[in-house]
Each structure stands twice: as C-alpha cells, then as structure tokens.
Amino acid sequence: MAMRHSKVQKQVLSLYKQFLKVTKDKPSFQDYVRQEFRQNAELSKSDVIKIDYLLRRGWRQLEVLKSSAVKSAGVFVKDIPSDQLTVSNDKKPNSS
C-alpha cells in the first residue's frame, strides 16, 4: 500500500528535490541542504508556524541559489556565551 503524503509534506519534498537539482554542481551546497533538511525533519507536524516559516525561507533561498551569480555561501551560527569558550593556549593577552 502506497504511503500518502499531506500537502505540506509534498511541498517539503518538492522543495528538497529542487534544491538537490539546483545544487548538483555545487557539492558543498548539497551537503548544507541535506544537513538542514535532516535537522528540521525532527519537527513536530503540529509545529505549523515553524514549518510554514521554513518553507517560505527555503523557497526564497532556492531562488537565490538559482542565480548564476551565486558561487559560495556562508552560514550564521549562534554565538557561544563567553563563559563556555575555552582558550587553546596558556598565553595571556597583553594588557597594555
């Protein structure tokens, strides 16, 4: 028996397929796309607002990637609180 998908699931799958198609010549982008979709696959189906937001954001990002001017991309990462940072060497900064 074939598994039936909801409208939103079909939209997510369509977006994912289009991302993979657009990034086929850009392996680093494909890695990022796969990571993002896997990370968000754990969202609860009842988290409709976040799913809708991520879909809209995904469609916008896809349009940017389709642009031939895009060669690379960066990702913003949440700041780490300073009390969680570790220093890799024992040197103290100059206080002068």
PDB file of N, CA and C in Angstrom:
ATOM      1  N   MET A   1       0.848  -1.182   0.000  1.00  0.00           N
ATOM      2  CA  MET A   1       0.000   0.000   0.000  1.00  0.00           C
ATOM      3  C   MET A   1       0.894   1.247   0.000  1.00  0.00           C
ATOM      4  N   ALA A   2       0.659   2.175  -0.907  1.00  0.00           N
ATOM      5  CA  ALA A   2       1.469   3.380  -1.038  1.00  0.00           C
ATOM      6  C   ALA A   2       1.172   4.349   0.100  1.00  0.00           C
ATOM      7  N   MET A   3       2.243   5.009   0.563  1.00  0.00           N
ATOM      8  CA  MET A   3       2.103   5.986   1.641  1.00  0.00           C
ATOM      9  C   MET A   3       1.608   7.311   1.046  1.00  0.00           C
ATOM     10  N   ARG A   4       0.574   7.873   1.634  1.00  0.00           N
ATOM     11  CA  ARG A   4       0.034   9.141   1.158  1.00  0.00           C
ATOM     12  C   ARG A   4       0.637  10.276   1.986  1.00  0.00           C
ATOM     13  N   HIS A   5       1.035  11.327   1.293  1.00  0.00           N
ATOM     14  CA  HIS A   5       1.632  12.477   1.972  1.00  0.00           C
ATOM     15  C   HIS A   5       0.637  13.629   2.033  1.00  0.00           C
ATOM     16  N   SER A   6       0.762  14.420   3.090  1.00  0.00           N
ATOM     17  CA  SER A   6      -0.069  15.621   3.213  1.00  0.00           C
ATOM     18  C   SER A   6       0.426  16.677   2.217  1.00  0.00           C
ATOM     19  N   LYS A   7      -0.354  17.724   2.064  1.00  0.00           N
ATOM     20  CA  LYS A   7       0.007  18.816   1.159  1.00  0.00           C
ATOM     21  C   LYS A   7       1.346  19.437   1.569  1.00  0.00           C
ATOM     22  N   VAL A   8       1.533  19.648   2.852  1.00  0.00           N
ATOM     23  CA  VAL A   8       2.768  20.255   3.344  1.00  0.00           C
ATOM     24  C   VAL A   8       3.954  19.320   3.104  1.00  0.00           C
ATOM     25  N   GLN A   9       3.767  18.027   3.342  1.00  0.00           N
ATOM     26  CA  GLN A   9       4.844  17.072   3.098  1.00  0.00           C
ATOM     27  C   GLN A   9       5.239  17.073   1.625  1.00  0.00           C
ATOM     28  N   LYS A  10       4.262  17.171   0.740  1.00  0.00           N
ATOM     29  CA  LYS A  10       4.549  17.228  -0.688  1.00  0.00           C
ATOM     30  C   LYS A  10       5.327  18.493  -1.032  1.00  0.00           C
ATOM     31  N   GLN A  11       4.983  19.611  -0.381  1.00  0.00           N
ATOM     32  CA  GLN A  11       5.701  20.863  -0.619  1.00  0.00           C
ATOM     33  C   GLN A  11       7.152  20.747  -0.165  1.00  0.00           C
ATOM     34  N   VAL A  12       7.366  20.129   0.992  1.00  0.00           N
ATOM     35  CA  VAL A  12       8.720  19.962   1.522  1.00  0.00           C
ATOM     36  C   VAL A  12       9.536  19.062   0.596  1.00  0.00           C
ATOM     37  N   LEU A  13       8.950  17.961   0.153  1.00  0.00           N
ATOM     38  CA  LEU A  13       9.654  17.052  -0.755  1.00  0.00           C
ATOM     39  C   LEU A  13       9.976  17.731  -2.086  1.00  0.00           C
ATOM     40  N   SER A  14       9.053  18.517  -2.591  1.00  0.00           N
ATOM     41  CA  SER A  14       9.286  19.251  -3.833  1.00  0.00           C
ATOM     42  C   SER A  14      10.431  20.240  -3.667  1.00  0.00           C
ATOM     43  N   LEU A  15      10.418  20.977  -2.571  1.00  0.00           N
ATOM     44  CA  LEU A  15      11.483  21.936  -2.287  1.00  0.00           C
ATOM     45  C   LEU A  15      12.828  21.225  -2.198  1.00  0.00           C
ATOM     46  N   TYR A  16      12.872  20.098  -1.491  1.00  0.00           N
ATOM     47  CA  TYR A  16      14.111  19.330  -1.321  1.00  0.00           C
ATOM     48  C   TYR A  16      14.636  18.864  -2.681  1.00  0.00           C
ATOM     49  N   LYS A  17      13.763  18.316  -3.505  1.00  0.00           N
ATOM     50  CA  LYS A  17      14.177  17.838  -4.833  1.00  0.00           C
ATOM     51  C   LYS A  17      14.725  18.983  -5.686  1.00  0.00           C
ATOM     52  N   GLN A  18      14.066  20.132  -5.612  1.00  0.00           N
ATOM     53  CA  GLN A  18      14.534  21.280  -6.394  1.00  0.00           C
ATOM     54  C   GLN A  18      15.879  21.786  -5.899  1.00  0.00           C
ATOM     55  N   PHE A  19      16.075  21.787  -4.585  1.00  0.00           N
ATOM     56  CA  PHE A  19      17.374  22.170  -4.035  1.00  0.00           C
ATOM     57  C   PHE A  19      18.461  21.236  -4.547  1.00  0.00           C
ATOM     58  N   LEU A  20      18.204  19.934  -4.511  1.00  0.00           N
ATOM     59  CA  LEU A  20      19.207  18.971  -4.970  1.00  0.00           C
ATOM     60  C   LEU A  20      19.504  19.158  -6.457  1.00  0.00           C
ATOM     61  N   LYS A  21      18.487  19.462  -7.238  1.00  0.00           N
ATOM     62  CA  LYS A  21      18.673  19.673  -8.669  1.00  0.00           C
ATOM     63  C   LYS A  21      19.527  20.919  -8.923  1.00  0.00           C
ATOM     64  N   VAL A  22      19.218  22.003  -8.224  1.00  0.00           N
ATOM     65  CA  VAL A  22      19.931  23.267  -8.419  1.00  0.00           C
ATOM     66  C   VAL A  22      21.373  23.173  -7.926  1.00  0.00           C
ATOM     67  N   THR A  23      21.612  22.363  -6.913  1.00  0.00           N
ATOM     68  CA  THR A  23      22.952  22.290  -6.312  1.00  0.00           C
ATOM     69  C   THR A  23      23.764  21.090  -6.793  1.00  0.00           C
ATOM     70  N   LYS A  24      23.327  20.406  -7.837  1.00  0.00           N
ATOM     71  CA  LYS A  24      24.033  19.193  -8.280  1.00  0.00           C
ATOM     72  C   LYS A  24      25.484  19.469  -8.670  1.00  0.00           C
ATOM     73  N   ASP A  25      25.787  20.672  -9.123  1.00  0.00           N
ATOM     74  CA  ASP A  25      27.162  21.032  -9.485  1.00  0.00           C
ATOM     75  C   ASP A  25      27.887  21.767  -8.365  1.00  0.00           C
ATOM     76  N   LYS A  26      27.262  21.828  -7.197  1.00  0.00           N
ATOM     77  CA  LYS A  26      27.835  22.545  -6.056  1.00  0.00           C
ATOM     78  C   LYS A  26      27.770  21.636  -4.829  1.00  0.00           C
ATOM     79  N   PRO A  27      28.715  20.694  -4.699  1.00  0.00           N
ATOM     80  CA  PRO A  27      28.651  19.696  -3.620  1.00  0.00           C
ATOM     81  C   PRO A  27      28.559  20.286  -2.212  1.00  0.00           C
ATOM     82  N   SER A  28      29.245  21.395  -1.968  1.00  0.00           N
ATOM     83  CA  SER A  28      29.188  21.972  -0.620  1.00  0.00           C
ATOM     84  C   SER A  28      27.773  22.467  -0.299  1.00  0.00           C
ATOM     85  N   PHE A  29      27.076  22.962  -1.305  1.00  0.00           N
ATOM     86  CA  PHE A  29      25.693  23.391  -1.114  1.00  0.00           C
ATOM     87  C   PHE A  29      24.803  22.183  -0.827  1.00  0.00           C
ATOM     88  N   GLN A  30      25.030  21.083  -1.554  1.00  0.00           N
ATOM     89  CA  GLN A  30      24.214  19.886  -1.338  1.00  0.00           C
ATOM     90  C   GLN A  30      24.379  19.371   0.080  1.00  0.00           C
ATOM     91  N   ASP A  31      25.605  19.406   0.591  1.00  0.00           N
ATOM     92  CA  ASP A  31      25.830  18.973   1.976  1.00  0.00           C
ATOM     93  C   ASP A  31      25.033  19.833   2.946  1.00  0.00           C
ATOM     94  N   TYR A  32      25.052  21.148   2.712  1.00  0.00           N
ATOM     95  CA  TYR A  32      24.313  22.067   3.578  1.00  0.00           C
ATOM     96  C   TYR A  32      22.808  21.805   3.484  1.00  0.00           C
ATOM     97  N   VAL A  33      22.306  21.613   2.262  1.00  0.00           N
ATOM     98  CA  VAL A  33      20.870  21.359   2.053  1.00  0.00           C
ATOM     99  C   VAL A  33      20.462  20.092   2.796  1.00  0.00           C
ATOM    100  N   ARG A  34      21.219  19.025   2.617  1.00  0.00           N
ATOM    101  CA  ARG A  34      20.890  17.760   3.284  1.00  0.00           C
ATOM    102  C   ARG A  34      20.897  17.920   4.803  1.00  0.00           C
ATOM    103  N   GLN A  35      21.907  18.634   5.315  1.00  0.00           N
ATOM    104  CA  GLN A  35      22.005  18.853   6.763  1.00  0.00           C
ATOM    105  C   GLN A  35      20.792  19.618   7.278  1.00  0.00           C
ATOM    106  N   GLU A  36      20.409  20.684   6.577  1.00  0.00           N
ATOM    107  CA  GLU A  36      19.263  21.487   7.005  1.00  0.00           C
ATOM    108  C   GLU A  36      17.971  20.669   7.008  1.00  0.00           C
ATOM    109  N   PHE A  37      17.740  19.915   5.947  1.00  0.00           N
ATOM    110  CA  PHE A  37      16.506  19.132   5.869  1.00  0.00           C
ATOM    111  C   PHE A  37      16.495  18.021   6.925  1.00  0.00           C
ATOM    112  N   ARG A  38      17.631  17.382   7.152  1.00  0.00           N
ATOM    113  CA  ARG A  38      17.678  16.327   8.187  1.00  0.00           C
ATOM    114  C   ARG A  38      17.420  16.914   9.568  1.00  0.00           C
ATOM    115  N   GLN A  39      18.036  18.065   9.828  1.00  0.00           N
ATOM    116  CA  GLN A  39      17.871  18.717  11.128  1.00  0.00           C
ATOM    117  C   GLN A  39      16.406  19.079  11.372  1.00  0.00           C
ATOM    118  N   ASN A  40      15.743  19.586  10.350  1.00  0.00           N
ATOM    119  CA  ASN A  40      14.358  20.028  10.516  1.00  0.00           C
ATOM    120  C   ASN A  40      13.347  18.910  10.320  1.00  0.00           C
ATOM    121  N   ALA A  41      13.791  17.741   9.925  1.00  0.00           N
ATOM    122  CA  ALA A  41      12.881  16.596   9.766  1.00  0.00           C
ATOM    123  C   ALA A  41      12.305  16.159  11.108  1.00  0.00           C
ATOM    124  N   GLU A  42      12.946  16.543  12.179  1.00  0.00           N
ATOM    125  CA  GLU A  42      12.503  16.157  13.521  1.00  0.00           C
ATOM    126  C   GLU A  42      11.396  17.056  14.063  1.00  0.00           C
ATOM    127  N   LEU A  43      11.032  18.090  13.311  1.00  0.00           N
ATOM    128  CA  LEU A  43       9.966  18.984  13.773  1.00  0.00           C
ATOM    129  C   LEU A  43       8.651  18.230  13.907  1.00  0.00           C
ATOM    130  N   SER A  44       7.909  18.596  14.905  1.00  0.00           N
ATOM    131  CA  SER A  44       6.587  18.008  15.096  1.00  0.00           C
ATOM    132  C   SER A  44       5.651  18.501  13.996  1.00  0.00           C
ATOM    133  N   LYS A  45       4.797  17.628  13.503  1.00  0.00           N
ATOM    134  CA  LYS A  45       3.836  18.017  12.467  1.00  0.00           C
ATOM    135  C   LYS A  45       2.894  19.111  12.965  1.00  0.00           C
ATOM    136  N   SER A  46       2.761  19.232  14.275  1.00  0.00           N
ATOM    137  CA  SER A  46       1.871  20.253  14.833  1.00  0.00           C
ATOM    138  C   SER A  46       2.534  21.634  14.917  1.00  0.00           C
ATOM    139  N   ASP A  47       3.830  21.715  14.629  1.00  0.00           N
ATOM    140  CA  ASP A  47       4.552  22.989  14.673  1.00  0.00           C
ATOM    141  C   ASP A  47       4.382  23.709  13.327  1.00  0.00           C
ATOM    142  N   VAL A  48       3.130  24.017  13.008  1.00  0.00           N
ATOM    143  CA  VAL A  48       2.750  24.542  11.704  1.00  0.00           C
ATOM    144  C   VAL A  48       3.409  25.882  11.394  1.00  0.00           C
ATOM    145  N   ILE A  49       3.507  26.750  12.382  1.00  0.00           N
ATOM    146  CA  ILE A  49       4.077  28.079  12.159  1.00  0.00           C
ATOM    147  C   ILE A  49       5.540  27.968  11.746  1.00  0.00           C
ATOM    148  N   LYS A  50       6.310  27.145  12.444  1.00  0.00           N
ATOM    149  CA  LYS A  50       7.731  26.999  12.110  1.00  0.00           C
ATOM    150  C   LYS A  50       7.900  26.306  10.758  1.00  0.00           C
ATOM    151  N   ILE A  51       7.089  25.304  10.476  1.00  0.00           N
ATOM    152  CA  ILE A  51       7.168  24.611   9.188  1.00  0.00           C
ATOM    153  C   ILE A  51       6.864  25.583   8.054  1.00  0.00           C
ATOM    154  N   ASP A  52       5.830  26.394   8.226  1.00  0.00           N
ATOM    155  CA  ASP A  52       5.470  27.379   7.211  1.00  0.00           C
ATOM    156  C   ASP A  52       6.602  28.381   7.001  1.00  0.00           C
ATOM    157  N   TYR A  53       7.192  28.846   8.101  1.00  0.00           N
ATOM    158  CA  TYR A  53       8.312  29.784   8.025  1.00  0.00           C
ATOM    159  C   TYR A  53       9.484  29.161   7.271  1.00  0.00           C
ATOM    160  N   LEU A  54       9.837  27.920   7.615  1.00  0.00           N
ATOM    161  CA  LEU A  54      10.969  27.257   6.970  1.00  0.00           C
ATOM    162  C   LEU A  54      10.710  27.008   5.486  1.00  0.00           C
ATOM    163  N   LEU A  55       9.474  26.681   5.134  1.00  0.00           N
ATOM    164  CA  LEU A  55       9.135  26.510   3.720  1.00  0.00           C
ATOM    165  C   LEU A  55       9.308  27.818   2.949  1.00  0.00           C
ATOM    166  N   ARG A  56       8.776  28.893   3.497  1.00  0.00           N
ATOM    167  CA  ARG A  56       8.904  30.192   2.816  1.00  0.00           C
ATOM    168  C   ARG A  56      10.366  30.602   2.695  1.00  0.00           C
ATOM    169  N   ARG A  57      11.126  30.410   3.768  1.00  0.00           N
ATOM    170  CA  ARG A  57      12.560  30.729   3.744  1.00  0.00           C
ATOM    171  C   ARG A  57      13.282  29.860   2.717  1.00  0.00           C
ATOM    172  N   GLY A  58      12.919  28.595   2.652  1.00  0.00           N
ATOM    173  CA  GLY A  58      13.528  27.679   1.694  1.00  0.00           C
ATOM    174  C   GLY A  58      13.280  28.092   0.257  1.00  0.00           C
ATOM    175  N   TRP A  59      12.039  28.485  -0.055  1.00  0.00           N
ATOM    176  CA  TRP A  59      11.726  28.910  -1.419  1.00  0.00           C
ATOM    177  C   TRP A  59      12.523  30.160  -1.789  1.00  0.00           C
ATOM    178  N   ARG A  60      12.670  31.087  -0.836  1.00  0.00           N
ATOM    179  CA  ARG A  60      13.458  32.296  -1.113  1.00  0.00           C
ATOM    180  C   ARG A  60      14.928  31.942  -1.345  1.00  0.00           C
ATOM    181  N   GLN A  61      15.475  31.047  -0.504  1.00  0.00           N
ATOM    182  CA  GLN A  61      16.870  30.643  -0.658  1.00  0.00           C
ATOM    183  C   GLN A  61      17.082  29.921  -1.990  1.00  0.00           C
ATOM    184  N   LEU A  62      16.107  29.128  -2.397  1.00  0.00           N
ATOM    185  CA  LEU A  62      16.213  28.419  -3.665  1.00  0.00           C
ATOM    186  C   LEU A  62      16.306  29.412  -4.820  1.00  0.00           C
ATOM    187  N   GLU A  63      15.497  30.452  -4.788  1.00  0.00           N
ATOM    188  CA  GLU A  63      15.544  31.464  -5.846  1.00  0.00           C
ATOM    189  C   GLU A  63      16.912  32.136  -5.905  1.00  0.00           C
ATOM    190  N   VAL A  64      17.511  32.390  -4.748  1.00  0.00           N
ATOM    191  CA  VAL A  64      18.844  32.991  -4.714  1.00  0.00           C
ATOM    192  C   VAL A  64      19.869  32.026  -5.309  1.00  0.00           C
ATOM    193  N   LEU A  65      19.777  30.761  -4.949  1.00  0.00           N
ATOM    194  CA  LEU A  65      20.718  29.768  -5.468  1.00  0.00           C
ATOM    195  C   LEU A  65      20.602  29.585  -6.975  1.00  0.00           C
ATOM    196  N   LYS A  66      19.409  29.776  -7.513  1.00  0.00           N
ATOM    197  CA  LYS A  66      19.215  29.639  -8.951  1.00  0.00           C
ATOM    198  C   LYS A  66      19.967  30.713  -9.717  1.00  0.00           C
ATOM    199  N   SER A  67      20.288  31.799  -9.042  1.00  0.00           N
ATOM    200  CA  SER A  67      21.027  32.883  -9.676  1.00  0.00           C
ATOM    201  C   SER A  67      22.422  32.386 -10.042  1.00  0.00           C
ATOM    202  N   SER A  68      22.855  32.660 -11.261  1.00  0.00           N
ATOM    203  CA  SER A  68      24.171  32.205 -11.703  1.00  0.00           C
ATOM    204  C   SER A  68      25.299  32.951 -10.991  1.00  0.00           C
ATOM    205  N   ALA A  69      24.972  34.047 -10.320  1.00  0.00           N
ATOM    206  CA  ALA A  69      25.990  34.833  -9.627  1.00  0.00           C
ATOM    207  C   ALA A  69      26.437  34.182  -8.320  1.00  0.00           C
ATOM    208  N   VAL A  70      25.671  33.239  -7.803  1.00  0.00           N
ATOM    209  CA  VAL A  70      25.991  32.613  -6.521  1.00  0.00           C
ATOM    210  C   VAL A  70      27.084  31.569  -6.726  1.00  0.00           C
ATOM    211  N   LYS A  71      28.209  31.760  -6.049  1.00  0.00           N
ATOM    212  CA  LYS A  71      29.329  30.825  -6.150  1.00  0.00           C
ATOM    213  C   LYS A  71      29.612  30.139  -4.818  1.00  0.00           C
ATOM    214  N   SER A  72      29.299  30.823  -3.720  1.00  0.00           N
ATOM    215  CA  SER A  72      29.521  30.249  -2.398  1.00  0.00           C
ATOM    216  C   SER A  72      28.529  30.865  -1.433  1.00  0.00           C
ATOM    217  N   ALA A  73      28.472  30.291  -0.236  1.00  0.00           N
ATOM    218  CA  ALA A  73      27.527  30.797   0.762  1.00  0.00           C
ATOM    219  C   ALA A  73      28.117  30.631   2.144  1.00  0.00           C
ATOM    220  N   GLY A  74      27.670  31.444   3.047  1.00  0.00           N
ATOM    221  CA  GLY A  74      28.080  31.340   4.435  1.00  0.00           C
ATOM    222  C   GLY A  74      26.871  31.039   5.291  1.00  0.00           C
ATOM    223  N   VAL A  75      27.142  30.599   6.499  1.00  0.00           N
ATOM    224  CA  VAL A  75      26.071  30.262   7.420  1.00  0.00           C
ATOM    225  C   VAL A  75      26.346  30.976   8.726  1.00  0.00           C
ATOM    226  N   PHE A  76      25.333  31.650   9.249  1.00  0.00           N
ATOM    227  CA  PHE A  76      25.470  32.283  10.546  1.00  0.00           C
ATOM    228  C   PHE A  76      25.228  31.243  11.620  1.00  0.00           C
ATOM    229  N   VAL A  77      26.083  31.277  12.634  1.00  0.00           N
ATOM    230  CA  VAL A  77      25.980  30.326  13.726  1.00  0.00           C
ATOM    231  C   VAL A  77      25.727  31.111  15.001  1.00  0.00           C
ATOM    232  N   LYS A  78      24.872  30.561  15.855  1.00  0.00           N
ATOM    233  CA  LYS A  78      24.538  31.205  17.110  1.00  0.00           C
ATOM    234  C   LYS A  78      25.810  31.450  17.935  1.00  0.00           C
ATOM    235  N   ASP A  79      25.897  32.635  18.550  1.00  0.00           N
ATOM    236  CA  ASP A  79      27.057  32.950  19.393  1.00  0.00           C
ATOM    237  C   ASP A  79      27.129  32.020  20.588  1.00  0.00           C
ATOM    238  N   ILE A  80      28.357  31.692  20.963  1.00  0.00           N
ATOM    239  CA  ILE A  80      28.598  30.882  22.151  1.00  0.00           C
ATOM    240  C   ILE A  80      28.858  31.841  23.304  1.00  0.00           C
ATOM    241  N   PRO A  81      28.173  31.667  24.438  1.00  0.00           N
ATOM    242  CA  PRO A  81      28.426  32.546  25.590  1.00  0.00           C
ATOM    243  C   PRO A  81      29.900  32.501  25.985  1.00  0.00           C
ATOM    244  N   SER A  82      30.433  33.653  26.377  1.00  0.00           N
ATOM    245  CA  SER A  82      31.860  33.744  26.678  1.00  0.00           C
ATOM    246  C   SER A  82      32.296  32.812  27.805  1.00  0.00           C
ATOM    247  N   ASP A  83      31.396  32.482  28.729  1.00  0.00           N
ATOM    248  CA  ASP A  83      31.781  31.578  29.812  1.00  0.00           C
ATOM    249  C   ASP A  83      31.931  30.131  29.330  1.00  0.00           C
ATOM    250  N   GLN A  84      31.486  29.844  28.102  1.00  0.00           N
ATOM    251  CA  GLN A  84      31.629  28.499  27.548  1.00  0.00           C
ATOM    252  C   GLN A  84      32.815  28.386  26.595  1.00  0.00           C
ATOM    253  N   LEU A  85      33.464  29.506  26.319  1.00  0.00           N
ATOM    254  CA  LEU A  85      34.631  29.483  25.440  1.00  0.00           C
ATOM    255  C   LEU A  85      35.834  28.954  26.204  1.00  0.00           C
ATOM    256  N   THR A  86      36.684  28.240  25.513  1.00  0.00           N
ATOM    257  CA  THR A  86      37.923  27.754  26.123  1.00  0.00           C
ATOM    258  C   THR A  86      39.101  28.309  25.344  1.00  0.00           C
ATOM    259  N   VAL A  87      40.185  28.548  26.044  1.00  0.00           N
ATOM    260  CA  VAL A  87      41.396  29.068  25.411  1.00  0.00           C
ATOM    261  C   VAL A  87      42.300  27.888  25.101  1.00  0.00           C
ATOM    262  N   SER A  88      42.823  27.843  23.885  1.00  0.00           N
ATOM    263  CA  SER A  88      43.610  26.699  23.474  1.00  0.00           C
ATOM    264  C   SER A  88      45.078  26.777  23.912  1.00  0.00           C
ATOM    265  N   ASN A  89      45.522  27.942  24.361  1.00  0.00           N
ATOM    266  CA  ASN A  89      46.905  28.044  24.841  1.00  0.00           C
ATOM    267  C   ASN A  89      46.911  28.766  26.182  1.00  0.00           C
ATOM    268  N   ASP A  90      48.048  28.746  26.847  1.00  0.00           N
ATOM    269  CA  ASP A  90      48.161  29.330  28.191  1.00  0.00           C
ATOM    270  C   ASP A  90      48.613  30.783  28.179  1.00  0.00           C
ATOM    271  N   LYS A  91      48.822  31.359  27.029  1.00  0.00           N
ATOM    272  CA  LYS A  91      49.294  32.744  26.953  1.00  0.00           C
ATOM    273  C   LYS A  91      48.166  33.696  27.331  1.00  0.00           C
ATOM    274  N   LYS A  92      48.515  34.716  28.109  1.00  0.00           N
ATOM    275  CA  LYS A  92      47.548  35.736  28.481  1.00  0.00           C
ATOM    276  C   LYS A  92      47.661  36.882  27.499  1.00  0.00           C
ATOM    277  N   PRO A  93      46.565  37.532  27.161  1.00  0.00           N
ATOM    278  CA  PRO A  93      46.633  38.684  26.254  1.00  0.00           C
ATOM    279  C   PRO A  93      47.369  39.842  26.914  1.00  0.00           C
ATOM    280  N   ASN A  94      48.006  40.658  26.090  1.00  0.00           N
ATOM    281  CA  ASN A  94      48.703  41.844  26.623  1.00  0.00           C
ATOM    282  C   ASN A  94      47.688  42.808  27.205  1.00  0.00           C
ATOM    283  N   SER A  95      47.983  43.352  28.361  1.00  0.00           N
ATOM    284  CA  SER A  95      47.060  44.289  28.991  1.00  0.00           C
ATOM    285  C   SER A  95      47.500  45.723  28.802  1.00  0.00           C
ATOM    286  N   SER A  96      48.519  45.965  27.982  1.00  0.00           N
ATOM    287  CA  SER A  96      48.990  47.328  27.801  1.00  0.00           C
ATOM    288  C   SER A  96      48.241  48.077  26.760  1.00  0.00           C
TER     289      SER A  96
END
